[in-house]
Amino acid sequence: MKTLQVGTYRRAQRAAWMMALTLATLAAGCTRNTPDPNAEPTPVTRLRVQNQAFLDMTIYVYRGPQRLRLGVANGNSTTRFTIPSSMIFGATPLRFQADPIGSNRNSISEEITVSPGDEVTLMIPPQ
């Protein structure tokens, strides 16, 4: 004959509740966060880089201390990049950096206020 102590039953009951709570939390974390189909789409914000220099440039965007690589602007050409909507919140001050590939010179633009849907032009002069 098996006997249960009072504390053992309460611990088993508490463990069952904790397991149920854990499973409910995991199930809630697995749900999808779908965007509202009735919401207005966010307009695309672009950066147009006119690279008049010979060297290819890696282009970065800064929002405060956060830096994000946009891509490479080839030398003597014009390249367009899409600025991710996660970087733009209303009128947002941004800076841009052109880092030449194969050189130790780089330059950072002045801060400019960018709104969703804007197209900003960054001109890199010849050296």
C-alpha atoms as a PDB file:
ATOM      1  CA  MET A   1       0.000   0.000   0.000  1.00  0.00           C
ATOM      2  CA  LYS A   2       1.355   3.420  -1.018  1.00  0.00           C
ATOM      3  CA  THR A   3       0.762   6.472   1.055  1.00  0.00           C
ATOM      4  CA  LEU A   4       1.133  10.063  -0.062  1.00  0.00           C
ATOM      5  CA  GLN A   5       2.239  12.813   2.152  1.00  0.00           C
ATOM      6  CA  VAL A   6       0.299  16.066   2.083  1.00  0.00           C
ATOM      7  CA  GLY A   7       3.301  18.004   0.712  1.00  0.00           C
ATOM      8  CA  THR A   8       3.808  15.515  -2.135  1.00  0.00           C
ATOM      9  CA  TYR A   9       0.277  16.048  -3.503  1.00  0.00           C
ATOM     10  CA  ARG A  10       0.653  19.833  -3.417  1.00  0.00           C
ATOM     11  CA  ARG A  11       4.025  19.650  -5.180  1.00  0.00           C
ATOM     12  CA  ALA A  12       2.535  17.422  -7.879  1.00  0.00           C
ATOM     13  CA  GLN A  13      -0.397  19.799  -8.296  1.00  0.00           C
ATOM     14  CA  ARG A  14       1.958  22.819  -8.477  1.00  0.00           C
ATOM     15  CA  ALA A  15       4.138  21.019 -11.052  1.00  0.00           C
ATOM     16  CA  ALA A  16       1.063  20.281 -13.197  1.00  0.00           C
ATOM     17  CA  TRP A  17       0.015  23.950 -13.078  1.00  0.00           C
ATOM     18  CA  MET A  18       3.535  25.073 -13.975  1.00  0.00           C
ATOM     19  CA  MET A  19       3.598  22.638 -16.916  1.00  0.00           C
ATOM     20  CA  ALA A  20       0.223  23.927 -18.157  1.00  0.00           C
ATOM     21  CA  LEU A  21       1.399  27.536 -17.816  1.00  0.00           C
ATOM     22  CA  THR A  22       4.616  26.759 -19.693  1.00  0.00           C
ATOM     23  CA  LEU A  23       2.740  25.080 -22.540  1.00  0.00           C
ATOM     24  CA  ALA A  24       0.298  27.991 -22.780  1.00  0.00           C
ATOM     25  CA  THR A  25       3.204  30.455 -22.948  1.00  0.00           C
ATOM     26  CA  LEU A  26       4.950  28.444 -25.656  1.00  0.00           C
ATOM     27  CA  ALA A  27       1.745  28.185 -27.677  1.00  0.00           C
ATOM     28  CA  ALA A  28       1.208  31.951 -27.468  1.00  0.00           C
ATOM     29  CA  GLY A  29       4.771  32.567 -28.672  1.00  0.00           C
ATOM     30  CA  CYS A  30       4.230  30.423 -31.768  1.00  0.00           C
ATOM     31  CA  THR A  31       1.333  32.462 -33.137  1.00  0.00           C
ATOM     32  CA  ARG A  32       1.895  34.527 -36.278  1.00  0.00           C
ATOM     33  CA  ASN A  33       1.879  38.287 -36.267  1.00  0.00           C
ATOM     34  CA  THR A  34       0.184  39.103 -39.557  1.00  0.00           C
ATOM     35  CA  PRO A  35      -0.013  42.710 -40.736  1.00  0.00           C
ATOM     36  CA  ASP A  36      -3.356  44.415 -40.946  1.00  0.00           C
ATOM     37  CA  PRO A  37      -4.566  44.090 -44.574  1.00  0.00           C
ATOM     38  CA  ASN A  38      -6.515  47.359 -44.234  1.00  0.00           C
ATOM     39  CA  ALA A  39      -3.474  49.376 -43.139  1.00  0.00           C
ATOM     40  CA  GLU A  40      -1.954  51.818 -45.604  1.00  0.00           C
ATOM     41  CA  PRO A  41       1.347  50.612 -47.069  1.00  0.00           C
ATOM     42  CA  THR A  42       4.464  52.469 -46.025  1.00  0.00           C
ATOM     43  CA  PRO A  43       5.935  54.408 -48.964  1.00  0.00           C
ATOM     44  CA  VAL A  44       9.384  53.288 -50.121  1.00  0.00           C
ATOM     45  CA  THR A  45      12.256  55.568 -49.118  1.00  0.00           C
ATOM     46  CA  ARG A  46      15.277  55.538 -51.407  1.00  0.00           C
ATOM     47  CA  LEU A  47      18.877  56.679 -51.460  1.00  0.00           C
ATOM     48  CA  ARG A  48      20.359  57.604 -54.849  1.00  0.00           C
ATOM     49  CA  VAL A  49      24.163  57.526 -54.861  1.00  0.00           C
ATOM     50  CA  GLN A  50      25.986  59.367 -57.641  1.00  0.00           C
ATOM     51  CA  ASN A  51      29.491  57.948 -57.312  1.00  0.00           C
ATOM     52  CA  GLN A  52      31.765  60.130 -59.468  1.00  0.00           C
ATOM     53  CA  ALA A  53      34.871  58.588 -57.877  1.00  0.00           C
ATOM     54  CA  PHE A  54      36.855  55.753 -59.443  1.00  0.00           C
ATOM     55  CA  LEU A  55      36.597  53.447 -56.393  1.00  0.00           C
ATOM     56  CA  ASP A  56      33.550  51.369 -55.476  1.00  0.00           C
ATOM     57  CA  MET A  57      31.978  52.473 -52.186  1.00  0.00           C
ATOM     58  CA  THR A  58      30.227  50.540 -49.453  1.00  0.00           C
ATOM     59  CA  ILE A  59      27.256  52.655 -48.364  1.00  0.00           C
ATOM     60  CA  TYR A  60      25.948  52.728 -44.783  1.00  0.00           C
ATOM     61  CA  VAL A  61      23.028  54.567 -43.193  1.00  0.00           C
ATOM     62  CA  TYR A  62      23.149  55.819 -39.578  1.00  0.00           C
ATOM     63  CA  ARG A  63      20.199  56.564 -37.311  1.00  0.00           C
ATOM     64  CA  GLY A  64      21.793  57.783 -34.125  1.00  0.00           C
ATOM     65  CA  PRO A  65      24.385  55.157 -33.137  1.00  0.00           C
ATOM     66  CA  GLN A  66      22.712  52.435 -35.243  1.00  0.00           C
ATOM     67  CA  ARG A  67      24.528  51.624 -38.516  1.00  0.00           C
ATOM     68  CA  LEU A  68      23.110  49.535 -41.359  1.00  0.00           C
ATOM     69  CA  ARG A  69      24.883  48.496 -44.565  1.00  0.00           C
ATOM     70  CA  LEU A  70      22.848  49.321 -47.672  1.00  0.00           C
ATOM     71  CA  GLY A  71      25.194  47.881 -50.316  1.00  0.00           C
ATOM     72  CA  VAL A  72      27.932  48.790 -52.806  1.00  0.00           C
ATOM     73  CA  ALA A  73      27.857  51.781 -55.155  1.00  0.00           C
ATOM     74  CA  ASN A  74      30.099  51.089 -58.135  1.00  0.00           C
ATOM     75  CA  GLY A  75      32.596  53.728 -59.274  1.00  0.00           C
ATOM     76  CA  ASN A  76      31.551  56.230 -61.947  1.00  0.00           C
ATOM     77  CA  SER A  77      27.899  55.203 -61.784  1.00  0.00           C
ATOM     78  CA  THR A  78      24.569  55.934 -60.117  1.00  0.00           C
ATOM     79  CA  THR A  79      23.082  53.354 -57.752  1.00  0.00           C
ATOM     80  CA  ARG A  80      19.730  53.322 -55.927  1.00  0.00           C
ATOM     81  CA  PHE A  81      19.192  51.721 -52.539  1.00  0.00           C
ATOM     82  CA  THR A  82      16.004  51.207 -50.556  1.00  0.00           C
ATOM     83  CA  ILE A  83      16.264  52.473 -47.000  1.00  0.00           C
ATOM     84  CA  PRO A  84      14.544  49.888 -44.776  1.00  0.00           C
ATOM     85  CA  SER A  85      11.299  51.097 -43.227  1.00  0.00           C
ATOM     86  CA  SER A  86      12.660  50.010 -39.834  1.00  0.00           C
ATOM     87  CA  MET A  87      15.110  52.959 -40.039  1.00  0.00           C
ATOM     88  CA  ILE A  88      12.401  55.570 -40.710  1.00  0.00           C
ATOM     89  CA  PHE A  89       9.878  56.711 -38.096  1.00  0.00           C
ATOM     90  CA  GLY A  90       8.139  59.819 -39.409  1.00  0.00           C
ATOM     91  CA  ALA A  91      10.660  62.592 -40.010  1.00  0.00           C
ATOM     92  CA  THR A  92      13.921  60.863 -39.030  1.00  0.00           C
ATOM     93  CA  PRO A  93      17.422  62.370 -38.944  1.00  0.00           C
ATOM     94  CA  LEU A  94      19.842  60.124 -40.883  1.00  0.00           C
ATOM     95  CA  ARG A  95      23.501  60.228 -41.910  1.00  0.00           C
ATOM     96  CA  PHE A  96      25.183  58.301 -44.701  1.00  0.00           C
ATOM     97  CA  GLN A  97      28.717  56.921 -44.928  1.00  0.00           C
ATOM     98  CA  ALA A  98      30.657  56.117 -48.090  1.00  0.00           C
ATOM     99  CA  ASP A  99      33.485  53.697 -47.328  1.00  0.00           C
ATOM    100  CA  PRO A 100      35.762  53.178 -50.355  1.00  0.00           C
ATOM    101  CA  ILE A 101      36.761  49.605 -51.084  1.00  0.00           C
ATOM    102  CA  GLY A 102      40.563  49.378 -51.233  1.00  0.00           C
ATOM    103  CA  SER A 103      41.240  52.652 -49.426  1.00  0.00           C
ATOM    104  CA  ASN A 104      41.342  53.863 -45.839  1.00  0.00           C
ATOM    105  CA  ARG A 105      39.496  57.132 -46.531  1.00  0.00           C
ATOM    106  CA  ASN A 106      35.821  57.293 -45.647  1.00  0.00           C
ATOM    107  CA  SER A 107      33.383  60.116 -45.240  1.00  0.00           C
ATOM    108  CA  ILE A 108      30.141  60.616 -43.353  1.00  0.00           C
ATOM    109  CA  SER A 109      27.485  63.032 -44.576  1.00  0.00           C
ATOM    110  CA  GLU A 110      25.837  65.742 -42.548  1.00  0.00           C
ATOM    111  CA  GLU A 111      22.618  64.768 -40.799  1.00  0.00           C
ATOM    112  CA  ILE A 112      19.509  65.106 -42.974  1.00  0.00           C
ATOM    113  CA  THR A 113      15.862  64.675 -42.020  1.00  0.00           C
ATOM    114  CA  VAL A 114      14.195  61.977 -44.118  1.00  0.00           C
ATOM    115  CA  SER A 115      10.486  61.131 -44.248  1.00  0.00           C
ATOM    116  CA  PRO A 116       8.850  57.980 -45.647  1.00  0.00           C
ATOM    117  CA  GLY A 117       8.634  58.198 -49.443  1.00  0.00           C
ATOM    118  CA  ASP A 118      11.573  60.593 -49.863  1.00  0.00           C
ATOM    119  CA  GLU A 119      14.427  60.060 -52.309  1.00  0.00           C
ATOM    120  CA  VAL A 120      17.742  61.363 -50.994  1.00  0.00           C
ATOM    121  CA  THR A 121      20.695  61.951 -53.329  1.00  0.00           C
ATOM    122  CA  LEU A 122      24.235  61.395 -52.070  1.00  0.00           C
ATOM    123  CA  MET A 123      26.911  62.719 -54.427  1.00  0.00           C
ATOM    124  CA  ILE A 124      30.459  61.382 -54.098  1.00  0.00           C
ATOM    125  CA  PRO A 125      32.843  63.733 -55.945  1.00  0.00           C
ATOM    126  CA  PRO A 126      35.855  62.528 -57.932  1.00  0.00           C
ATOM    127  CA  GLN A 127      39.108  62.462 -55.993  1.00  0.00           C
END
